[in-house]
Amino acid sequence: MDWTSIIVAVVTGGLAFLGVLVSNRKTGALIAYRLQQLEAKVDKHNHFAERMPVIEEQIKAANHRIEDLERRVDT
């Protein structure tokens, strides 16, 4: 066996392994960032969904007040 070919194979394998580690780390960071952005969007949507029933009640009350005013004007 030629020792140089073994050394070249070990160095090549080690560098390939380091490349995979770096790539996985960057991919993990990107996934974490995108997940964080998605969570922010979901939180924004949930806050909006919590406010909608309140707004609907306010619209109902405003519509009743408008109807009452229209009845007063008609009479």
Protein backbone atom coordinates (compact mmCIF):
# COMPACT_ATOMS: atom_id res chain seq x y z
CA MET A 1 0.00 0.00 0.00
CA ASP A 2 1.08 3.48 -0.75
CA TRP A 3 0.95 5.75 2.33
CA THR A 4 0.45 8.87 0.28
CA SER A 5 -2.81 7.58 -1.18
CA ILE A 6 -4.05 6.73 2.32
CA ILE A 7 -3.11 10.19 3.59
CA VAL A 8 -4.79 11.84 0.59
CA ALA A 9 -7.94 9.77 1.17
CA VAL A 10 -8.06 10.67 4.88
CA VAL A 11 -7.49 14.39 4.19
CA THR A 12 -10.10 14.38 1.42
CA GLY A 13 -12.61 12.59 3.64
CA GLY A 14 -11.93 14.99 6.51
CA LEU A 15 -12.40 18.05 4.30
CA ALA A 16 -15.59 16.59 2.85
CA PHE A 17 -16.87 15.98 6.38
CA LEU A 18 -16.06 19.58 7.37
CA GLY A 19 -17.88 20.82 4.27
CA VAL A 20 -20.97 18.85 5.22
CA LEU A 21 -20.86 20.22 8.77
CA VAL A 22 -20.58 23.82 7.56
CA SER A 23 -23.36 23.32 5.04
CA ASN A 24 -25.68 21.76 7.64
CA ARG A 25 -24.97 24.58 10.08
CA LYS A 26 -25.87 27.23 7.51
CA THR A 27 -29.00 25.34 6.50
CA GLY A 28 -30.05 25.01 10.14
CA ALA A 29 -29.56 28.73 10.69
CA LEU A 30 -31.65 29.53 7.61
CA ILE A 31 -34.43 27.19 8.73
CA ALA A 32 -34.41 28.75 12.21
CA TYR A 33 -34.63 32.25 10.70
CA ARG A 34 -37.49 31.33 8.40
CA LEU A 35 -39.33 29.61 11.25
CA GLN A 36 -38.94 32.73 13.37
CA GLN A 37 -40.39 34.86 10.55
CA LEU A 38 -43.30 32.47 10.16
CA GLU A 39 -44.00 32.56 13.89
CA ALA A 40 -44.10 36.37 13.74
CA LYS A 41 -46.66 36.21 10.92
CA VAL A 42 -48.78 33.72 12.85
CA ASP A 43 -48.68 35.92 15.96
CA LYS A 44 -49.78 38.91 13.88
CA HIS A 45 -52.63 36.88 12.38
CA ASN A 46 -53.72 35.59 15.80
CA HIS A 47 -53.81 39.13 17.19
CA PHE A 48 -56.01 40.14 14.25
CA ALA A 49 -58.27 37.12 14.80
CA GLU A 50 -58.71 38.09 18.46
CA ARG A 51 -59.78 41.61 17.51
CA MET A 52 -62.31 40.61 14.83
CA PRO A 53 -65.15 39.60 17.21
CA VAL A 54 -64.77 42.94 19.01
CA ILE A 55 -64.93 44.82 15.72
CA GLU A 56 -67.98 42.81 14.62
CA GLU A 57 -69.81 43.73 17.83
CA GLN A 58 -68.91 47.39 17.34
CA ILE A 59 -70.25 47.26 13.77
CA LYS A 60 -73.51 45.68 14.99
CA ALA A 61 -73.90 48.42 17.60
CA ALA A 62 -73.17 51.12 15.02
CA ASN A 63 -75.70 49.61 12.61
CA HIS A 64 -78.38 49.60 15.35
CA ARG A 65 -77.64 53.23 16.16
CA ILE A 66 -77.87 54.16 12.46
CA GLU A 67 -81.21 52.35 12.17
CA ASP A 68 -82.52 54.19 15.24
CA LEU A 69 -81.43 57.53 13.79
CA GLU A 70 -83.02 56.69 10.44
CA ARG A 71 -86.31 55.84 12.18
CA ARG A 72 -86.22 59.18 14.05
CA VAL A 73 -85.64 61.08 10.80
CA ASP A 74 -88.46 59.23 9.01
CA THR A 75 -91.04 60.03 11.70
